[in-house]
């Protein structure tokens, strides 16, 4: 995976565009989730999912270069084409949300939506490659190609096969494909937690939790490492993200641990393990917890309460190891 692109002044236009897309996407999500109907604007649920894809998936091609050798200070022409193709594809499906449901386009559709379905399939795979690694995209590719030869699989792996156009339509317009449960969770639940978590982080939430942990454990044996664990568990409650936890807390705790005698690799390992517990620390956990609640059709509070004991045991184990 290539690093995130940093726009310079000569590519400042794309930075404005990406920021605008993010801002519009957040406004659309808030309007839809809270049913505000600002200016009378309300979308069919399916159309809302496609609009979110159009606004956020397209920005992937602006922020993530195609490879390590790709320029990070300017936008290549092919990334601009991919950005526009994703935005247009999402908007096309957004404006035809009613047709997709009413006319059953996932099984039979005119040529145009079929072409857009194949295009969306390819664009999603490329976005996965850019934001993760080649192994993840190969896994997704192999699994996504399964319907093409399912009838030839042995035993319980055997299933009904579809041709490429039908497979693409099922992925792009079916409710068990790209706009399935994971995107549903992100658009209806997770995006609100993410927005408020980032607001808290940007307003000094990380520093607050670090200071709180420091006041509680700064005087104990191995205090710097224990501060890292406790601060990461606190911050994990609001972020549900390993990466943001490491960035917000690790930037303060790792130097503190090194200054008090911990080896650099050990300090980094402690923070990595502590931050990894963030997605399982309630009340705000990783996306898997929200998907679990929706898949099991139980209130999210049940999942959060159930996760508290294993999350506490996880951090207790880290405390014992450090002590």
C-alpha atoms as a PDB file:
ATOM      1  CA  UNK A   1       0.000   0.000   0.000  1.00  0.00           C
ATOM      2  CA  UNK A   2       1.335   3.419  -0.920  1.00  0.00           C
ATOM      3  CA  UNK A   3       1.326   6.269   1.551  1.00  0.00           C
ATOM      4  CA  UNK A   4      -1.419   8.848   1.684  1.00  0.00           C
ATOM      5  CA  UNK A   5      -0.939  11.578  -0.915  1.00  0.00           C
ATOM      6  CA  UNK A   6       0.018  15.023   0.349  1.00  0.00           C
ATOM      7  CA  UNK A   7      -1.204  17.727  -2.010  1.00  0.00           C
ATOM      8  CA  UNK A   8       1.071  20.668  -2.698  1.00  0.00           C
ATOM      9  CA  UNK A   9      -0.034  24.060  -4.028  1.00  0.00           C
ATOM     10  CA  UNK A  10       0.144  22.912  -7.639  1.00  0.00           C
ATOM     11  CA  UNK A  11      -2.478  20.256  -6.836  1.00  0.00           C
ATOM     12  CA  UNK A  12      -4.423  22.402  -4.406  1.00  0.00           C
ATOM     13  CA  UNK A  13      -7.585  22.099  -6.501  1.00  0.00           C
ATOM     14  CA  UNK A  14      -7.800  18.369  -5.754  1.00  0.00           C
ATOM     15  CA  UNK A  15      -7.369  19.022  -2.047  1.00  0.00           C
ATOM     16  CA  UNK A  16     -10.328  21.412  -2.175  1.00  0.00           C
ATOM     17  CA  UNK A  17     -12.370  18.840  -4.100  1.00  0.00           C
ATOM     18  CA  UNK A  18     -11.597  16.010  -1.655  1.00  0.00           C
ATOM     19  CA  UNK A  19     -12.391  18.236   1.337  1.00  0.00           C
ATOM     20  CA  UNK A  20     -15.659  19.321  -0.288  1.00  0.00           C
ATOM     21  CA  UNK A  21     -16.650  15.711  -0.950  1.00  0.00           C
ATOM     22  CA  UNK A  22     -15.961  14.782   2.678  1.00  0.00           C
ATOM     23  CA  UNK A  23     -17.946  17.758   3.946  1.00  0.00           C
ATOM     24  CA  UNK A  24     -20.933  17.036   1.702  1.00  0.00           C
ATOM     25  CA  UNK A  25     -20.795  13.358   2.635  1.00  0.00           C
ATOM     26  CA  UNK A  26     -20.913  14.125   6.356  1.00  0.00           C
ATOM     27  CA  UNK A  27     -23.819  16.542   5.860  1.00  0.00           C
ATOM     28  CA  UNK A  28     -25.735  13.973   3.800  1.00  0.00           C
ATOM     29  CA  UNK A  29     -25.104  11.289   6.429  1.00  0.00           C
ATOM     30  CA  UNK A  30     -26.210  13.505   9.319  1.00  0.00           C
ATOM     31  CA  UNK A  31     -29.314  14.575   7.394  1.00  0.00           C
ATOM     32  CA  UNK A  32     -30.202  10.969   6.579  1.00  0.00           C
ATOM     33  CA  UNK A  33     -29.354   9.309   9.911  1.00  0.00           C
ATOM     34  CA  UNK A  34     -31.179  11.893  11.994  1.00  0.00           C
ATOM     35  CA  UNK A  35     -33.977  12.313   9.405  1.00  0.00           C
ATOM     36  CA  UNK A  36     -33.552  16.096   9.436  1.00  0.00           C
ATOM     37  CA  UNK A  37     -34.844  16.584   5.877  1.00  0.00           C
ATOM     38  CA  UNK A  38     -32.830  19.769   5.465  1.00  0.00           C
ATOM     39  CA  UNK A  39     -34.287  21.862   2.636  1.00  0.00           C
ATOM     40  CA  UNK A  40     -36.714  18.996   2.075  1.00  0.00           C
ATOM     41  CA  UNK A  41     -33.823  16.692   1.060  1.00  0.00           C
ATOM     42  CA  UNK A  42     -34.390  13.000   1.827  1.00  0.00           C
ATOM     43  CA  UNK A  43     -33.169   9.936  -0.036  1.00  0.00           C
ATOM     44  CA  UNK A  44     -34.366   6.399  -0.527  1.00  0.00           C
ATOM     45  CA  UNK A  45     -32.082   4.185   1.578  1.00  0.00           C
ATOM     46  CA  UNK A  46     -30.548   2.506  -1.469  1.00  0.00           C
ATOM     47  CA  UNK A  47     -29.897   5.867  -3.138  1.00  0.00           C
ATOM     48  CA  UNK A  48     -28.314   7.137   0.093  1.00  0.00           C
ATOM     49  CA  UNK A  49     -25.846   4.233   0.138  1.00  0.00           C
ATOM     50  CA  UNK A  50     -24.820   4.909  -3.460  1.00  0.00           C
ATOM     51  CA  UNK A  51     -24.404   8.625  -2.787  1.00  0.00           C
ATOM     52  CA  UNK A  52     -22.085   7.842   0.146  1.00  0.00           C
ATOM     53  CA  UNK A  53     -20.098   5.564  -2.166  1.00  0.00           C
ATOM     54  CA  UNK A  54     -19.920   8.309  -4.761  1.00  0.00           C
ATOM     55  CA  UNK A  55     -18.651  10.869  -2.263  1.00  0.00           C
ATOM     56  CA  UNK A  56     -16.225   8.781  -0.205  1.00  0.00           C
ATOM     57  CA  UNK A  57     -15.073   5.908  -2.414  1.00  0.00           C
ATOM     58  CA  UNK A  58     -14.122   8.339  -5.175  1.00  0.00           C
ATOM     59  CA  UNK A  59     -11.838  10.290  -2.834  1.00  0.00           C
ATOM     60  CA  UNK A  60      -9.811   7.104  -2.305  1.00  0.00           C
ATOM     61  CA  UNK A  61      -8.245   7.648  -5.725  1.00  0.00           C
ATOM     62  CA  UNK A  62      -7.270  11.192  -4.759  1.00  0.00           C
ATOM     63  CA  UNK A  63      -5.699  10.310  -1.416  1.00  0.00           C
ATOM     64  CA  UNK A  64      -4.030   6.958  -2.109  1.00  0.00           C
ATOM     65  CA  UNK A  65      -1.482   6.703  -4.954  1.00  0.00           C
ATOM     66  CA  UNK A  66      -1.549   3.678  -7.247  1.00  0.00           C
ATOM     67  CA  UNK A  67       1.897   2.489  -6.115  1.00  0.00           C
ATOM     68  CA  UNK A  68       4.898   3.391  -3.987  1.00  0.00           C
ATOM     69  CA  UNK A  69       6.593   4.957  -7.002  1.00  0.00           C
ATOM     70  CA  UNK A  70       3.598   7.112  -7.949  1.00  0.00           C
ATOM     71  CA  UNK A  71       3.953  10.851  -7.272  1.00  0.00           C
ATOM     72  CA  UNK A  72       2.504  12.016  -3.954  1.00  0.00           C
ATOM     73  CA  UNK A  73       2.713  15.761  -4.586  1.00  0.00           C
ATOM     74  CA  UNK A  74       0.486  15.838  -7.666  1.00  0.00           C
ATOM     75  CA  UNK A  75      -2.391  13.872  -9.125  1.00  0.00           C
ATOM     76  CA  UNK A  76      -1.688  11.681 -12.182  1.00  0.00           C
ATOM     77  CA  UNK A  77      -4.204  11.735 -15.001  1.00  0.00           C
ATOM     78  CA  UNK A  78      -5.306   8.128 -14.413  1.00  0.00           C
ATOM     79  CA  UNK A  79      -6.206   8.864 -10.788  1.00  0.00           C
ATOM     80  CA  UNK A  80      -8.329  11.791 -11.919  1.00  0.00           C
ATOM     81  CA  UNK A  81     -10.148   9.485 -14.370  1.00  0.00           C
ATOM     82  CA  UNK A  82     -10.744   6.864 -11.648  1.00  0.00           C
ATOM     83  CA  UNK A  83     -12.018   9.569  -9.298  1.00  0.00           C
ATOM     84  CA  UNK A  84     -14.490  10.869 -11.877  1.00  0.00           C
ATOM     85  CA  UNK A  85     -15.545   7.344 -12.892  1.00  0.00           C
ATOM     86  CA  UNK A  86     -16.323   6.420  -9.267  1.00  0.00           C
ATOM     87  CA  UNK A  87     -18.217   9.637  -8.607  1.00  0.00           C
ATOM     88  CA  UNK A  88     -20.289   9.289 -11.792  1.00  0.00           C
ATOM     89  CA  UNK A  89     -20.989   5.570 -11.197  1.00  0.00           C
ATOM     90  CA  UNK A  90     -22.204   6.210  -7.656  1.00  0.00           C
ATOM     91  CA  UNK A  91     -24.378   9.112  -8.789  1.00  0.00           C
ATOM     92  CA  UNK A  92     -25.866   7.018 -11.590  1.00  0.00           C
ATOM     93  CA  UNK A  93     -26.977   4.307  -9.183  1.00  0.00           C
ATOM     94  CA  UNK A  94     -28.113   6.963  -6.685  1.00  0.00           C
ATOM     95  CA  UNK A  95     -30.471   8.533  -9.220  1.00  0.00           C
ATOM     96  CA  UNK A  96     -31.813   5.090 -10.205  1.00  0.00           C
ATOM     97  CA  UNK A  97     -32.288   3.742  -6.685  1.00  0.00           C
ATOM     98  CA  UNK A  98     -36.039   3.287  -7.177  1.00  0.00           C
ATOM     99  CA  UNK A  99     -35.543   1.477 -10.484  1.00  0.00           C
ATOM    100  CA  UNK A 100     -33.062  -0.926  -8.885  1.00  0.00           C
ATOM    101  CA  UNK A 101     -35.651  -1.957  -6.295  1.00  0.00           C
ATOM    102  CA  UNK A 102     -38.840  -1.717  -8.364  1.00  0.00           C
ATOM    103  CA  UNK A 103     -37.530  -3.344 -11.561  1.00  0.00           C
ATOM    104  CA  UNK A 104     -35.157  -5.890  -9.982  1.00  0.00           C
ATOM    105  CA  UNK A 105     -32.122  -4.654 -11.849  1.00  0.00           C
ATOM    106  CA  UNK A 106     -29.783  -6.951  -9.938  1.00  0.00           C
ATOM    107  CA  UNK A 107     -31.114  -9.900 -11.978  1.00  0.00           C
ATOM    108  CA  UNK A 108     -32.034  -8.287 -15.281  1.00  0.00           C
ATOM    109  CA  UNK A 109     -31.217  -4.780 -16.381  1.00  0.00           C
ATOM    110  CA  UNK A 110     -30.518  -2.702 -19.497  1.00  0.00           C
ATOM    111  CA  UNK A 111     -27.007  -2.427 -20.884  1.00  0.00           C
ATOM    112  CA  UNK A 112     -26.106   0.854 -19.182  1.00  0.00           C
ATOM    113  CA  UNK A 113     -26.582  -0.242 -15.536  1.00  0.00           C
ATOM    114  CA  UNK A 114     -24.836  -3.511 -16.358  1.00  0.00           C
ATOM    115  CA  UNK A 115     -21.778  -1.619 -17.617  1.00  0.00           C
ATOM    116  CA  UNK A 116     -21.809   0.595 -14.532  1.00  0.00           C
ATOM    117  CA  UNK A 117     -22.067  -2.534 -12.353  1.00  0.00           C
ATOM    118  CA  UNK A 118     -18.936  -4.056 -13.887  1.00  0.00           C
ATOM    119  CA  UNK A 119     -17.179  -0.707 -13.520  1.00  0.00           C
ATOM    120  CA  UNK A 120     -18.132  -0.418  -9.833  1.00  0.00           C
ATOM    121  CA  UNK A 121     -16.898  -3.976  -9.208  1.00  0.00           C
ATOM    122  CA  UNK A 122     -13.490  -3.123 -10.653  1.00  0.00           C
ATOM    123  CA  UNK A 123     -13.281   0.260  -8.883  1.00  0.00           C
ATOM    124  CA  UNK A 124     -14.012  -1.271  -5.472  1.00  0.00           C
ATOM    125  CA  UNK A 125     -11.296  -3.895  -5.954  1.00  0.00           C
ATOM    126  CA  UNK A 126      -8.798  -1.205  -6.951  1.00  0.00           C
ATOM    127  CA  UNK A 127      -9.764   0.913  -3.934  1.00  0.00           C
ATOM    128  CA  UNK A 128      -9.223  -2.113  -1.674  1.00  0.00           C
ATOM    129  CA  UNK A 129      -5.784  -2.658  -3.210  1.00  0.00           C
ATOM    130  CA  UNK A 130      -4.755   0.932  -2.607  1.00  0.00           C
ATOM    131  CA  UNK A 131      -5.951   1.123   0.973  1.00  0.00           C
ATOM    132  CA  UNK A 132      -4.834  -2.345   2.151  1.00  0.00           C
ATOM    133  CA  UNK A 133      -2.403  -4.669   0.341  1.00  0.00           C
ATOM    134  CA  UNK A 134      -2.167  -7.101  -2.540  1.00  0.00           C
ATOM    135  CA  UNK A 135      -3.123 -10.080  -0.373  1.00  0.00           C
ATOM    136  CA  UNK A 136      -6.413  -8.545   0.668  1.00  0.00           C
ATOM    137  CA  UNK A 137      -7.361  -7.650  -2.894  1.00  0.00           C
ATOM    138  CA  UNK A 138      -6.438 -11.142  -4.123  1.00  0.00           C
ATOM    139  CA  UNK A 139      -8.669 -12.646  -1.447  1.00  0.00           C
ATOM    140  CA  UNK A 140     -11.535 -10.345  -2.431  1.00  0.00           C
ATOM    141  CA  UNK A 141     -10.958 -11.043  -6.128  1.00  0.00           C
ATOM    142  CA  UNK A 142     -10.966 -14.822  -5.739  1.00  0.00           C
ATOM    143  CA  UNK A 143     -14.103 -14.779  -3.599  1.00  0.00           C
ATOM    144  CA  UNK A 144     -15.851 -12.351  -5.956  1.00  0.00           C
ATOM    145  CA  UNK A 145     -15.131 -14.650  -8.918  1.00  0.00           C
ATOM    146  CA  UNK A 146     -16.643 -17.664  -7.139  1.00  0.00           C
ATOM    147  CA  UNK A 147     -20.144 -17.284  -8.724  1.00  0.00           C
ATOM    148  CA  UNK A 148     -18.588 -17.690 -12.174  1.00  0.00           C
ATOM    149  CA  UNK A 149     -17.570 -21.315 -11.497  1.00  0.00           C
ATOM    150  CA  UNK A 150     -19.655 -22.247  -8.438  1.00  0.00           C
ATOM    151  CA  UNK A 151     -21.420 -25.078 -10.268  1.00  0.00           C
ATOM    152  CA  UNK A 152     -18.081 -26.847 -10.805  1.00  0.00           C
ATOM    153  CA  UNK A 153     -17.026 -26.742  -7.148  1.00  0.00           C
ATOM    154  CA  UNK A 154     -17.001 -29.999  -5.112  1.00  0.00           C
ATOM    155  CA  UNK A 155     -19.341 -30.925  -2.278  1.00  0.00           C
ATOM    156  CA  UNK A 156     -20.945 -28.188  -0.224  1.00  0.00           C
ATOM    157  CA  UNK A 157     -18.915 -25.557  -2.126  1.00  0.00           C
ATOM    158  CA  UNK A 158     -21.102 -26.179  -5.171  1.00  0.00           C
ATOM    159  CA  UNK A 159     -23.710 -23.572  -5.993  1.00  0.00           C
ATOM    160  CA  UNK A 160     -25.494 -21.800  -8.815  1.00  0.00           C
ATOM    161  CA  UNK A 161     -23.240 -20.145 -11.354  1.00  0.00           C
ATOM    162  CA  UNK A 162     -23.795 -16.799 -13.050  1.00  0.00           C
ATOM    163  CA  UNK A 163     -22.202 -15.090 -15.999  1.00  0.00           C
ATOM    164  CA  UNK A 164     -20.060 -11.974 -15.572  1.00  0.00           C
ATOM    165  CA  UNK A 165     -22.838  -9.385 -16.234  1.00  0.00           C
ATOM    166  CA  UNK A 166     -25.228 -11.037 -13.765  1.00  0.00           C
ATOM    167  CA  UNK A 167     -22.497 -11.433 -11.146  1.00  0.00           C
ATOM    168  CA  UNK A 168     -21.569  -7.775 -11.508  1.00  0.00           C
ATOM    169  CA  UNK A 169     -25.206  -6.695 -11.176  1.00  0.00           C
ATOM    170  CA  UNK A 170     -25.670  -8.819  -8.054  1.00  0.00           C
ATOM    171  CA  UNK A 171     -22.588  -7.243  -6.483  1.00  0.00           C
ATOM    172  CA  UNK A 172     -23.410  -3.679  -7.499  1.00  0.00           C
ATOM    173  CA  UNK A 173     -27.202  -3.624  -7.058  1.00  0.00           C
ATOM    174  CA  UNK A 174     -28.035  -6.546  -4.782  1.00  0.00           C
ATOM    175  CA  UNK A 175     -28.403  -6.041  -1.023  1.00  0.00           C
ATOM    176  CA  UNK A 176     -25.862  -8.785  -0.295  1.00  0.00           C
ATOM    177  CA  UNK A 177     -23.080  -7.214  -2.332  1.00  0.00           C
ATOM    178  CA  UNK A 178     -21.316  -3.869  -2.193  1.00  0.00           C
ATOM    179  CA  UNK A 179     -24.289  -2.191  -0.500  1.00  0.00           C
ATOM    180  CA  UNK A 180     -24.783  -5.072   1.910  1.00  0.00           C
ATOM    181  CA  UNK A 181     -24.644  -5.209   5.709  1.00  0.00           C
ATOM    182  CA  UNK A 182     -21.155  -3.650   6.154  1.00  0.00           C
ATOM    183  CA  UNK A 183     -21.998  -0.518   4.153  1.00  0.00           C
ATOM    184  CA  UNK A 184     -25.419  -0.380   5.802  1.00  0.00           C
ATOM    185  CA  UNK A 185     -23.740  -0.352   9.220  1.00  0.00           C
ATOM    186  CA  UNK A 186     -21.240   2.310   8.178  1.00  0.00           C
ATOM    187  CA  UNK A 187     -23.903   4.582   6.685  1.00  0.00           C
ATOM    188  CA  UNK A 188     -26.528   4.232   9.420  1.00  0.00           C
ATOM    189  CA  UNK A 189     -24.534   3.668  12.625  1.00  0.00           C
ATOM    190  CA  UNK A 190     -20.768   3.844  12.430  1.00  0.00           C
ATOM    191  CA  UNK A 191     -20.443   7.157  10.606  1.00  0.00           C
ATOM    192  CA  UNK A 192     -22.026   9.030  13.526  1.00  0.00           C
ATOM    193  CA  UNK A 193     -19.641   7.478  16.057  1.00  0.00           C
ATOM    194  CA  UNK A 194     -16.696   8.207  13.765  1.00  0.00           C
ATOM    195  CA  UNK A 195     -17.607  11.872  13.364  1.00  0.00           C
ATOM    196  CA  UNK A 196     -18.049  12.508  17.075  1.00  0.00           C
ATOM    197  CA  UNK A 197     -14.936  10.482  17.899  1.00  0.00           C
ATOM    198  CA  UNK A 198     -12.814  12.546  15.500  1.00  0.00           C
ATOM    199  CA  UNK A 199     -14.269  15.760  16.928  1.00  0.00           C
ATOM    200  CA  UNK A 200     -13.281  14.670  20.425  1.00  0.00           C
ATOM    201  CA  UNK A 201      -9.839  13.647  19.221  1.00  0.00           C
ATOM    202  CA  UNK A 202      -9.301  16.954  17.429  1.00  0.00           C
ATOM    203  CA  UNK A 203     -10.384  18.943  20.477  1.00  0.00           C
ATOM    204  CA  UNK A 204      -7.782  17.348  22.735  1.00  0.00           C
ATOM    205  CA  UNK A 205      -9.390  14.077  23.770  1.00  0.00           C
ATOM    206  CA  UNK A 206      -6.121  12.154  23.402  1.00  0.00           C
ATOM    207  CA  UNK A 207      -4.232  14.594  25.617  1.00  0.00           C
ATOM    208  CA  UNK A 208      -7.000  14.480  28.226  1.00  0.00           C
ATOM    209  CA  UNK A 209      -6.923  10.694  28.506  1.00  0.00           C
ATOM    210  CA  UNK A 210      -3.122  10.696  28.637  1.00  0.00           C
ATOM    211  CA  UNK A 211      -3.119  13.219  31.487  1.00  0.00           C
ATOM    212  CA  UNK A 212      -5.827  11.269  33.313  1.00  0.00           C
ATOM    213  CA  UNK A 213      -3.866   8.021  33.068  1.00  0.00           C
ATOM    214  CA  UNK A 214      -0.678   9.828  34.101  1.00  0.00           C
ATOM    215  CA  UNK A 215      -2.325  11.188  37.250  1.00  0.00           C
ATOM    216  CA  UNK A 216      -3.521   7.683  38.189  1.00  0.00           C
ATOM    217  CA  UNK A 217      -0.469   5.582  37.359  1.00  0.00           C
ATOM    218  CA  UNK A 218       2.474   7.933  36.907  1.00  0.00           C
ATOM    219  CA  UNK A 219       3.865   7.093  40.377  1.00  0.00           C
ATOM    220  CA  UNK A 220       3.701   3.293  40.023  1.00  0.00           C
ATOM    221  CA  UNK A 221       6.335   0.773  38.887  1.00  0.00           C
ATOM    222  CA  UNK A 222       6.572   0.819  35.110  1.00  0.00           C
ATOM    223  CA  UNK A 223       4.306   3.835  35.231  1.00  0.00           C
ATOM    224  CA  UNK A 224       5.019   5.075  31.710  1.00  0.00           C
ATOM    225  CA  UNK A 225       3.992   1.742  30.177  1.00  0.00           C
ATOM    226  CA  UNK A 226       0.923   1.461  32.395  1.00  0.00           C
ATOM    227  CA  UNK A 227      -0.050   4.992  31.385  1.00  0.00           C
ATOM    228  CA  UNK A 228       0.130   3.856  27.768  1.00  0.00           C
ATOM    229  CA  UNK A 229      -2.177   0.915  28.457  1.00  0.00           C
ATOM    230  CA  UNK A 230      -4.736   2.855  30.471  1.00  0.00           C
ATOM    231  CA  UNK A 231      -4.740   5.873  28.132  1.00  0.00           C
ATOM    232  CA  UNK A 232      -5.176   3.613  25.109  1.00  0.00           C
ATOM    233  CA  UNK A 233      -8.075   1.811  26.772  1.00  0.00           C
ATOM    234  CA  UNK A 234      -9.728   5.169  27.555  1.00  0.00           C
ATOM    235  CA  UNK A 235      -9.225   6.468  24.034  1.00  0.00           C
ATOM    236  CA  UNK A 236     -10.405   3.141  22.584  1.00  0.00           C
ATOM    237  CA  UNK A 237     -13.754   3.764  24.245  1.00  0.00           C
ATOM    238  CA  UNK A 238     -14.429   6.679  21.905  1.00  0.00           C
ATOM    239  CA  UNK A 239     -12.462   5.819  18.776  1.00  0.00           C
ATOM    240  CA  UNK A 240     -12.893   2.090  18.179  1.00  0.00           C
ATOM    241  CA  UNK A 241      -9.859   2.329  15.918  1.00  0.00           C
ATOM    242  CA  UNK A 242      -6.363   0.905  16.330  1.00  0.00           C
ATOM    243  CA  UNK A 243      -4.796   3.441  13.987  1.00  0.00           C
ATOM    244  CA  UNK A 244      -6.277   6.586  15.534  1.00  0.00           C
ATOM    245  CA  UNK A 245      -5.501   5.198  18.997  1.00  0.00           C
ATOM    246  CA  UNK A 246      -1.848   4.754  18.113  1.00  0.00           C
ATOM    247  CA  UNK A 247      -1.597   8.192  16.519  1.00  0.00           C
ATOM    248  CA  UNK A 248      -3.335  10.046  19.341  1.00  0.00           C
ATOM    249  CA  UNK A 249      -1.850   8.214  22.347  1.00  0.00           C
ATOM    250  CA  UNK A 250       1.331   6.620  20.998  1.00  0.00           C
ATOM    251  CA  UNK A 251       2.843   9.956  20.003  1.00  0.00           C
ATOM    252  CA  UNK A 252       2.929  10.828  23.722  1.00  0.00           C
ATOM    253  CA  UNK A 253       3.408   7.475  25.449  1.00  0.00           C
ATOM    254  CA  UNK A 254       6.178   5.947  23.318  1.00  0.00           C
ATOM    255  CA  UNK A 255       8.618   8.863  23.917  1.00  0.00           C
ATOM    256  CA  UNK A 256       7.675   8.793  27.622  1.00  0.00           C
ATOM    257  CA  UNK A 257       8.413   5.075  27.880  1.00  0.00           C
ATOM    258  CA  UNK A 258      11.745   5.458  26.082  1.00  0.00           C
ATOM    259  CA  UNK A 259      12.704   8.336  28.379  1.00  0.00           C
ATOM    260  CA  UNK A 260      12.116   6.162  31.460  1.00  0.00           C
ATOM    261  CA  UNK A 261      14.290   3.289  30.264  1.00  0.00           C
ATOM    262  CA  UNK A 262      12.106   1.082  28.084  1.00  0.00           C
ATOM    263  CA  UNK A 263      13.752  -0.221  24.931  1.00  0.00           C
ATOM    264  CA  UNK A 264      12.356   1.453  21.795  1.00  0.00           C
ATOM    265  CA  UNK A 265      11.047  -1.813  20.338  1.00  0.00           C
ATOM    266  CA  UNK A 266       9.422  -2.765  23.659  1.00  0.00           C
ATOM    267  CA  UNK A 267       7.799   0.654  24.027  1.00  0.00           C
ATOM    268  CA  UNK A 268       6.406   0.407  20.497  1.00  0.00           C
ATOM    269  CA  UNK A 269       5.144  -3.130  21.163  1.00  0.00           C
ATOM    270  CA  UNK A 270       3.346  -2.063  24.347  1.00  0.00           C
ATOM    271  CA  UNK A 271       1.575   0.794  22.572  1.00  0.00           C
ATOM    272  CA  UNK A 272       0.735  -1.415  19.575  1.00  0.00           C
ATOM    273  CA  UNK A 273      -0.852  -4.039  21.830  1.00  0.00           C
ATOM    274  CA  UNK A 274      -2.675  -1.420  23.920  1.00  0.00           C
ATOM    275  CA  UNK A 275      -4.041   0.323  20.814  1.00  0.00           C
ATOM    276  CA  UNK A 276      -5.117  -2.991  19.289  1.00  0.00           C
ATOM    277  CA  UNK A 277      -7.581  -3.370  22.157  1.00  0.00           C
ATOM    278  CA  UNK A 278      -9.383  -0.201  21.065  1.00  0.00           C
ATOM    279  CA  UNK A 279     -11.797  -1.923  18.628  1.00  0.00           C
ATOM    280  CA  UNK A 280     -13.004  -4.326  21.359  1.00  0.00           C
ATOM    281  CA  UNK A 281     -13.339  -1.744  24.140  1.00  0.00           C
ATOM    282  CA  UNK A 282     -16.949  -0.563  24.572  1.00  0.00           C
ATOM    283  CA  UNK A 283     -18.965   1.569  24.219  1.00  0.00           C
ATOM    284  CA  UNK A 284     -17.611   2.520  20.752  1.00  0.00           C
ATOM    285  CA  UNK A 285     -15.982  -0.500  19.132  1.00  0.00           C
ATOM    286  CA  UNK A 286     -14.831  -1.433  15.649  1.00  0.00           C
ATOM    287  CA  UNK A 287     -17.120  -1.876  12.676  1.00  0.00           C
ATOM    288  CA  UNK A 288     -17.382  -5.633  13.332  1.00  0.00           C
ATOM    289  CA  UNK A 289     -19.326  -4.978  16.546  1.00  0.00           C
ATOM    290  CA  UNK A 290     -21.943  -2.899  14.701  1.00  0.00           C
ATOM    291  CA  UNK A 291     -22.204  -5.557  11.988  1.00  0.00           C
ATOM    292  CA  UNK A 292     -22.620  -8.207  14.694  1.00  0.00           C
ATOM    293  CA  UNK A 293     -25.490  -6.285  16.277  1.00  0.00           C
ATOM    294  CA  UNK A 294     -27.272  -5.845  12.949  1.00  0.00           C
ATOM    295  CA  UNK A 295     -26.623  -9.424  11.815  1.00  0.00           C
ATOM    296  CA  UNK A 296     -27.920 -10.894  15.098  1.00  0.00           C
ATOM    297  CA  UNK A 297     -30.769  -8.342  15.217  1.00  0.00           C
ATOM    298  CA  UNK A 298     -29.994  -7.357  18.817  1.00  0.00           C
ATOM    299  CA  UNK A 299     -29.489  -3.892  20.341  1.00  0.00           C
ATOM    300  CA  UNK A 300     -25.922  -2.646  20.069  1.00  0.00           C
ATOM    301  CA  UNK A 301     -25.907  -2.176  23.854  1.00  0.00           C
ATOM    302  CA  UNK A 302     -26.043  -5.977  24.258  1.00  0.00           C
ATOM    303  CA  UNK A 303     -22.897  -6.380  22.184  1.00  0.00           C
ATOM    304  CA  UNK A 304     -21.128  -3.575  24.066  1.00  0.00           C
ATOM    305  CA  UNK A 305     -21.979  -5.059  27.465  1.00  0.00           C
ATOM    306  CA  UNK A 306     -20.875  -8.513  26.336  1.00  0.00           C
ATOM    307  CA  UNK A 307     -17.545  -7.137  25.104  1.00  0.00           C
ATOM    308  CA  UNK A 308     -16.675  -5.395  28.359  1.00  0.00           C
ATOM    309  CA  UNK A 309     -15.439  -8.493  30.203  1.00  0.00           C
ATOM    310  CA  UNK A 310     -13.055  -9.831  27.492  1.00  0.00           C
ATOM    311  CA  UNK A 311     -11.810  -6.286  26.797  1.00  0.00           C
ATOM    312  CA  UNK A 312     -11.091  -5.780  30.512  1.00  0.00           C
ATOM    313  CA  UNK A 313      -9.277  -9.128  30.683  1.00  0.00           C
ATOM    314  CA  UNK A 314      -7.218  -8.147  27.640  1.00  0.00           C
ATOM    315  CA  UNK A 315      -5.990  -4.945  29.249  1.00  0.00           C
ATOM    316  CA  UNK A 316      -5.488  -6.709  32.586  1.00  0.00           C
ATOM    317  CA  UNK A 317      -3.174  -9.146  30.824  1.00  0.00           C
ATOM    318  CA  UNK A 318      -1.166  -6.246  29.435  1.00  0.00           C
ATOM    319  CA  UNK A 319      -0.918  -4.703  32.912  1.00  0.00           C
ATOM    320  CA  UNK A 320       0.397  -7.957  34.384  1.00  0.00           C
ATOM    321  CA  UNK A 321       2.942  -8.329  31.569  1.00  0.00           C
ATOM    322  CA  UNK A 322       4.252  -4.795  32.103  1.00  0.00           C
ATOM    323  CA  UNK A 323       4.321  -5.084  35.889  1.00  0.00           C
END
